[in-house]
């Protein structure tokens, strides 16, 4: 048994034990027992995230962040987790085009307490490399004109991207910037 398999097995056992104890305690009406159940739920959640991280493709994690997708496919919403304390920091979303699976769009959102620490840039980097290995060659980022921090992130990430401004139209109440680029030519 490899060290990763052993760690996975150990985490699965910890989760099972905590769930059994939590279920027994949750029958109580005492306030201190409810607090204990909440504490156990947090610990179970943390162990489950850590277990998912152990199973991740190496291209979806580094020493700082991990991207976890609930889908079995490359498209969808990836939760951005800290690889250090296993807390969720935001999301990054990949949407492939229906007519051309080598092309798609990426959007991201970083929770306020994690903003300004380059996590969006790091998530973009991880996900675009992963997408490239899975046959996606071209991406688009669409960013609101008012979102200056996201514009800085996009311009840092894709310095040679084709940038176009999308004027207010078709129900949009703000101007947008569209960044089109080929993966690997950032």
C-alpha atoms as a PDB file:
ATOM      1  CA  UNK A   1       0.000   0.000   0.000  1.00  0.00           C
ATOM      2  CA  UNK A   2       1.458   3.382  -1.014  1.00  0.00           C
ATOM      3  CA  UNK A   3       1.740   6.274   1.426  1.00  0.00           C
ATOM      4  CA  UNK A   4      -1.078   8.137  -0.366  1.00  0.00           C
ATOM      5  CA  UNK A   5      -3.352   5.092  -0.221  1.00  0.00           C
ATOM      6  CA  UNK A   6      -2.511   4.683   3.465  1.00  0.00           C
ATOM      7  CA  UNK A   7      -3.298   8.343   4.162  1.00  0.00           C
ATOM      8  CA  UNK A   8      -6.596   8.050   2.244  1.00  0.00           C
ATOM      9  CA  UNK A   9      -7.532   4.967   4.254  1.00  0.00           C
ATOM     10  CA  UNK A  10      -6.633   6.723   7.511  1.00  0.00           C
ATOM     11  CA  UNK A  11      -8.782   9.745   6.583  1.00  0.00           C
ATOM     12  CA  UNK A  12     -11.706   7.517   5.620  1.00  0.00           C
ATOM     13  CA  UNK A  13     -11.507   5.813   9.029  1.00  0.00           C
ATOM     14  CA  UNK A  14     -11.371   9.169  10.841  1.00  0.00           C
ATOM     15  CA  UNK A  15     -14.416  10.374   8.898  1.00  0.00           C
ATOM     16  CA  UNK A  16     -16.380   7.189   9.703  1.00  0.00           C
ATOM     17  CA  UNK A  17     -15.539   7.373  13.417  1.00  0.00           C
ATOM     18  CA  UNK A  18     -16.475  11.046  13.645  1.00  0.00           C
ATOM     19  CA  UNK A  19     -19.735  10.469  11.780  1.00  0.00           C
ATOM     20  CA  UNK A  20     -20.720   7.625  14.137  1.00  0.00           C
ATOM     21  CA  UNK A  21     -19.956   9.672  17.264  1.00  0.00           C
ATOM     22  CA  UNK A  22     -21.613  12.771  15.792  1.00  0.00           C
ATOM     23  CA  UNK A  23     -24.781  10.823  14.966  1.00  0.00           C
ATOM     24  CA  UNK A  24     -25.002   9.482  18.533  1.00  0.00           C
ATOM     25  CA  UNK A  25     -24.454  12.909  20.093  1.00  0.00           C
ATOM     26  CA  UNK A  26     -26.852  14.674  17.707  1.00  0.00           C
ATOM     27  CA  UNK A  27     -29.792  12.909  19.398  1.00  0.00           C
ATOM     28  CA  UNK A  28     -29.193  15.086  22.472  1.00  0.00           C
ATOM     29  CA  UNK A  29     -30.940  18.419  22.990  1.00  0.00           C
ATOM     30  CA  UNK A  30     -28.179  19.903  25.128  1.00  0.00           C
ATOM     31  CA  UNK A  31     -26.589  23.099  23.767  1.00  0.00           C
ATOM     32  CA  UNK A  32     -23.037  21.914  24.505  1.00  0.00           C
ATOM     33  CA  UNK A  33     -23.733  18.724  22.553  1.00  0.00           C
ATOM     34  CA  UNK A  34     -24.987  20.754  19.582  1.00  0.00           C
ATOM     35  CA  UNK A  35     -21.780  22.795  19.666  1.00  0.00           C
ATOM     36  CA  UNK A  36     -19.779  19.570  19.718  1.00  0.00           C
ATOM     37  CA  UNK A  37     -21.745  18.249  16.724  1.00  0.00           C
ATOM     38  CA  UNK A  38     -21.037  21.472  14.803  1.00  0.00           C
ATOM     39  CA  UNK A  39     -17.346  21.160  15.648  1.00  0.00           C
ATOM     40  CA  UNK A  40     -17.339  17.543  14.467  1.00  0.00           C
ATOM     41  CA  UNK A  41     -19.124  18.521  11.245  1.00  0.00           C
ATOM     42  CA  UNK A  42     -16.371  21.063  10.530  1.00  0.00           C
ATOM     43  CA  UNK A  43     -13.682  18.472  11.166  1.00  0.00           C
ATOM     44  CA  UNK A  44     -15.469  15.928   8.931  1.00  0.00           C
ATOM     45  CA  UNK A  45     -15.742  18.541   6.164  1.00  0.00           C
ATOM     46  CA  UNK A  46     -12.023  19.328   6.473  1.00  0.00           C
ATOM     47  CA  UNK A  47     -11.085  15.633   6.307  1.00  0.00           C
ATOM     48  CA  UNK A  48     -13.308  15.124   3.242  1.00  0.00           C
ATOM     49  CA  UNK A  49     -11.642  18.059   1.462  1.00  0.00           C
ATOM     50  CA  UNK A  50      -8.208  16.687   2.350  1.00  0.00           C
ATOM     51  CA  UNK A  51      -9.286  13.265   1.031  1.00  0.00           C
ATOM     52  CA  UNK A  52     -10.447  14.828  -2.258  1.00  0.00           C
ATOM     53  CA  UNK A  53      -7.140  16.678  -2.561  1.00  0.00           C
ATOM     54  CA  UNK A  54      -5.222  13.413  -2.227  1.00  0.00           C
ATOM     55  CA  UNK A  55      -7.224  12.033  -5.161  1.00  0.00           C
ATOM     56  CA  UNK A  56      -6.742  15.087  -7.386  1.00  0.00           C
ATOM     57  CA  UNK A  57      -4.899  15.065 -10.652  1.00  0.00           C
ATOM     58  CA  UNK A  58      -1.446  16.541  -9.935  1.00  0.00           C
ATOM     59  CA  UNK A  59      -2.200  19.341 -12.416  1.00  0.00           C
ATOM     60  CA  UNK A  60      -5.070  20.644 -10.276  1.00  0.00           C
ATOM     61  CA  UNK A  61      -3.045  21.351  -7.148  1.00  0.00           C
ATOM     62  CA  UNK A  62       0.128  22.960  -5.873  1.00  0.00           C
ATOM     63  CA  UNK A  63       1.535  23.884  -2.467  1.00  0.00           C
ATOM     64  CA  UNK A  64      -0.935  26.762  -2.042  1.00  0.00           C
ATOM     65  CA  UNK A  65      -4.219  25.883  -3.748  1.00  0.00           C
ATOM     66  CA  UNK A  66      -6.227  22.935  -5.051  1.00  0.00           C
ATOM     67  CA  UNK A  67      -9.096  22.970  -7.545  1.00  0.00           C
ATOM     68  CA  UNK A  68     -11.895  20.495  -6.820  1.00  0.00           C
ATOM     69  CA  UNK A  69     -14.602  19.846  -9.411  1.00  0.00           C
ATOM     70  CA  UNK A  70     -17.724  17.896  -8.439  1.00  0.00           C
ATOM     71  CA  UNK A  71     -18.170  16.783 -12.067  1.00  0.00           C
ATOM     72  CA  UNK A  72     -16.326  13.891 -13.662  1.00  0.00           C
ATOM     73  CA  UNK A  73     -15.717  16.048 -16.754  1.00  0.00           C
ATOM     74  CA  UNK A  74     -13.376  19.005 -17.236  1.00  0.00           C
ATOM     75  CA  UNK A  75     -16.202  21.537 -17.511  1.00  0.00           C
ATOM     76  CA  UNK A  76     -18.044  23.068 -14.606  1.00  0.00           C
ATOM     77  CA  UNK A  77     -17.368  24.840 -11.344  1.00  0.00           C
ATOM     78  CA  UNK A  78     -14.105  24.161  -9.529  1.00  0.00           C
ATOM     79  CA  UNK A  79     -13.938  25.141  -5.876  1.00  0.00           C
ATOM     80  CA  UNK A  80     -10.620  26.764  -4.976  1.00  0.00           C
ATOM     81  CA  UNK A  81      -9.315  25.403  -1.673  1.00  0.00           C
ATOM     82  CA  UNK A  82      -6.264  26.246   0.363  1.00  0.00           C
ATOM     83  CA  UNK A  83      -3.802  23.340   0.269  1.00  0.00           C
ATOM     84  CA  UNK A  84      -2.649  24.437   3.717  1.00  0.00           C
ATOM     85  CA  UNK A  85      -5.776  24.749   5.885  1.00  0.00           C
ATOM     86  CA  UNK A  86      -8.337  23.182   3.478  1.00  0.00           C
ATOM     87  CA  UNK A  87     -10.653  26.218   3.507  1.00  0.00           C
ATOM     88  CA  UNK A  88     -12.651  27.218   0.440  1.00  0.00           C
ATOM     89  CA  UNK A  89     -11.336  30.468  -1.062  1.00  0.00           C
ATOM     90  CA  UNK A  90     -13.578  30.895  -4.106  1.00  0.00           C
ATOM     91  CA  UNK A  91     -14.502  29.369  -7.460  1.00  0.00           C
ATOM     92  CA  UNK A  92     -13.232  29.156 -10.997  1.00  0.00           C
ATOM     93  CA  UNK A  93     -15.608  28.042 -13.743  1.00  0.00           C
ATOM     94  CA  UNK A  94     -14.869  26.577 -17.170  1.00  0.00           C
ATOM     95  CA  UNK A  95     -17.609  26.510 -19.818  1.00  0.00           C
ATOM     96  CA  UNK A  96     -16.730  24.853 -23.139  1.00  0.00           C
ATOM     97  CA  UNK A  97     -18.391  26.016 -26.323  1.00  0.00           C
ATOM     98  CA  UNK A  98     -21.032  23.601 -27.622  1.00  0.00           C
ATOM     99  CA  UNK A  99     -19.805  23.698 -31.198  1.00  0.00           C
ATOM    100  CA  UNK A 100     -16.067  23.597 -30.464  1.00  0.00           C
ATOM    101  CA  UNK A 101     -14.663  21.706 -27.463  1.00  0.00           C
ATOM    102  CA  UNK A 102     -11.193  23.193 -28.046  1.00  0.00           C
ATOM    103  CA  UNK A 103     -12.544  26.585 -26.994  1.00  0.00           C
ATOM    104  CA  UNK A 104     -14.222  27.826 -23.829  1.00  0.00           C
ATOM    105  CA  UNK A 105     -14.719  30.579 -21.289  1.00  0.00           C
ATOM    106  CA  UNK A 106     -13.383  30.970 -17.760  1.00  0.00           C
ATOM    107  CA  UNK A 107     -14.823  33.024 -14.939  1.00  0.00           C
ATOM    108  CA  UNK A 108     -13.692  33.234 -11.338  1.00  0.00           C
ATOM    109  CA  UNK A 109     -14.660  34.628  -7.978  1.00  0.00           C
ATOM    110  CA  UNK A 110     -12.395  34.859  -4.942  1.00  0.00           C
ATOM    111  CA  UNK A 111     -13.963  35.366  -1.508  1.00  0.00           C
ATOM    112  CA  UNK A 112     -13.202  38.839  -0.056  1.00  0.00           C
ATOM    113  CA  UNK A 113     -10.902  37.622   2.742  1.00  0.00           C
ATOM    114  CA  UNK A 114      -8.648  35.943   0.133  1.00  0.00           C
ATOM    115  CA  UNK A 115      -8.584  38.729  -2.462  1.00  0.00           C
ATOM    116  CA  UNK A 116      -5.369  40.548  -3.254  1.00  0.00           C
ATOM    117  CA  UNK A 117      -3.190  37.472  -2.713  1.00  0.00           C
ATOM    118  CA  UNK A 118      -2.908  36.275  -6.359  1.00  0.00           C
ATOM    119  CA  UNK A 119      -5.193  33.258  -5.837  1.00  0.00           C
ATOM    120  CA  UNK A 120      -7.207  34.028  -8.996  1.00  0.00           C
ATOM    121  CA  UNK A 121      -3.968  34.151 -10.997  1.00  0.00           C
ATOM    122  CA  UNK A 122      -2.789  30.843  -9.491  1.00  0.00           C
ATOM    123  CA  UNK A 123      -6.166  29.193 -10.147  1.00  0.00           C
ATOM    124  CA  UNK A 124      -6.146  30.478 -13.748  1.00  0.00           C
ATOM    125  CA  UNK A 125      -2.692  29.048 -14.210  1.00  0.00           C
ATOM    126  CA  UNK A 126      -3.564  25.612 -12.785  1.00  0.00           C
ATOM    127  CA  UNK A 127      -6.843  25.313 -14.673  1.00  0.00           C
ATOM    128  CA  UNK A 128      -5.532  26.530 -18.039  1.00  0.00           C
ATOM    129  CA  UNK A 129      -2.625  24.037 -17.899  1.00  0.00           C
ATOM    130  CA  UNK A 130      -5.055  21.253 -17.004  1.00  0.00           C
ATOM    131  CA  UNK A 131      -7.413  22.273 -19.821  1.00  0.00           C
ATOM    132  CA  UNK A 132      -4.532  22.379 -22.326  1.00  0.00           C
ATOM    133  CA  UNK A 133      -3.617  18.799 -21.422  1.00  0.00           C
ATOM    134  CA  UNK A 134      -7.262  17.859 -22.022  1.00  0.00           C
ATOM    135  CA  UNK A 135      -7.498  19.332 -25.518  1.00  0.00           C
ATOM    136  CA  UNK A 136      -8.694  22.886 -24.875  1.00  0.00           C
ATOM    137  CA  UNK A 137      -6.542  25.378 -26.802  1.00  0.00           C
ATOM    138  CA  UNK A 138      -8.316  28.734 -26.634  1.00  0.00           C
ATOM    139  CA  UNK A 139      -9.998  30.592 -23.781  1.00  0.00           C
ATOM    140  CA  UNK A 140     -11.938  33.761 -23.165  1.00  0.00           C
ATOM    141  CA  UNK A 141     -12.175  35.805 -19.985  1.00  0.00           C
ATOM    142  CA  UNK A 142     -15.016  38.342 -19.758  1.00  0.00           C
ATOM    143  CA  UNK A 143     -14.604  40.978 -17.057  1.00  0.00           C
ATOM    144  CA  UNK A 144     -16.669  43.966 -16.002  1.00  0.00           C
ATOM    145  CA  UNK A 145     -15.024  47.327 -16.686  1.00  0.00           C
ATOM    146  CA  UNK A 146     -15.453  48.259 -12.987  1.00  0.00           C
ATOM    147  CA  UNK A 147     -13.600  45.174 -11.751  1.00  0.00           C
ATOM    148  CA  UNK A 148     -10.120  46.684 -11.885  1.00  0.00           C
ATOM    149  CA  UNK A 149      -8.446  44.007  -9.740  1.00  0.00           C
ATOM    150  CA  UNK A 150      -9.729  41.256 -12.043  1.00  0.00           C
ATOM    151  CA  UNK A 151      -8.597  43.234 -15.090  1.00  0.00           C
ATOM    152  CA  UNK A 152      -5.098  43.455 -13.566  1.00  0.00           C
ATOM    153  CA  UNK A 153      -5.154  39.685 -12.942  1.00  0.00           C
ATOM    154  CA  UNK A 154      -6.221  38.982 -16.533  1.00  0.00           C
ATOM    155  CA  UNK A 155      -3.611  41.307 -17.997  1.00  0.00           C
ATOM    156  CA  UNK A 156      -0.895  39.793 -15.825  1.00  0.00           C
ATOM    157  CA  UNK A 157      -1.976  36.290 -16.825  1.00  0.00           C
ATOM    158  CA  UNK A 158      -2.499  36.863 -20.541  1.00  0.00           C
ATOM    159  CA  UNK A 159      -0.179  39.687 -21.509  1.00  0.00           C
ATOM    160  CA  UNK A 160      -0.590  39.019 -25.235  1.00  0.00           C
ATOM    161  CA  UNK A 161      -4.348  38.438 -25.270  1.00  0.00           C
ATOM    162  CA  UNK A 162      -6.642  40.066 -27.772  1.00  0.00           C
ATOM    163  CA  UNK A 163      -8.622  42.531 -25.647  1.00  0.00           C
ATOM    164  CA  UNK A 164     -11.914  43.921 -26.880  1.00  0.00           C
ATOM    165  CA  UNK A 165     -14.429  46.151 -25.173  1.00  0.00           C
ATOM    166  CA  UNK A 166     -18.054  45.055 -25.246  1.00  0.00           C
ATOM    167  CA  UNK A 167     -20.365  48.065 -25.080  1.00  0.00           C
ATOM    168  CA  UNK A 168     -23.565  48.090 -23.062  1.00  0.00           C
ATOM    169  CA  UNK A 169     -26.109  46.197 -25.113  1.00  0.00           C
ATOM    170  CA  UNK A 170     -28.532  43.278 -25.055  1.00  0.00           C
ATOM    171  CA  UNK A 171     -29.556  43.894 -21.464  1.00  0.00           C
ATOM    172  CA  UNK A 172     -26.048  44.456 -20.127  1.00  0.00           C
ATOM    173  CA  UNK A 173     -25.961  47.344 -17.692  1.00  0.00           C
ATOM    174  CA  UNK A 174     -22.175  47.705 -17.772  1.00  0.00           C
ATOM    175  CA  UNK A 175     -19.273  47.677 -20.174  1.00  0.00           C
ATOM    176  CA  UNK A 176     -17.220  44.503 -20.326  1.00  0.00           C
ATOM    177  CA  UNK A 177     -13.756  43.569 -21.511  1.00  0.00           C
ATOM    178  CA  UNK A 178     -13.242  40.292 -23.353  1.00  0.00           C
ATOM    179  CA  UNK A 179      -9.776  38.716 -23.313  1.00  0.00           C
ATOM    180  CA  UNK A 180      -9.213  36.039 -25.931  1.00  0.00           C
ATOM    181  CA  UNK A 181      -6.036  33.956 -25.844  1.00  0.00           C
ATOM    182  CA  UNK A 182      -4.474  30.650 -26.826  1.00  0.00           C
ATOM    183  CA  UNK A 183      -3.347  28.503 -23.901  1.00  0.00           C
ATOM    184  CA  UNK A 184       0.418  28.320 -23.743  1.00  0.00           C
ATOM    185  CA  UNK A 185       0.828  31.719 -25.379  1.00  0.00           C
ATOM    186  CA  UNK A 186      -0.006  33.721 -22.275  1.00  0.00           C
END
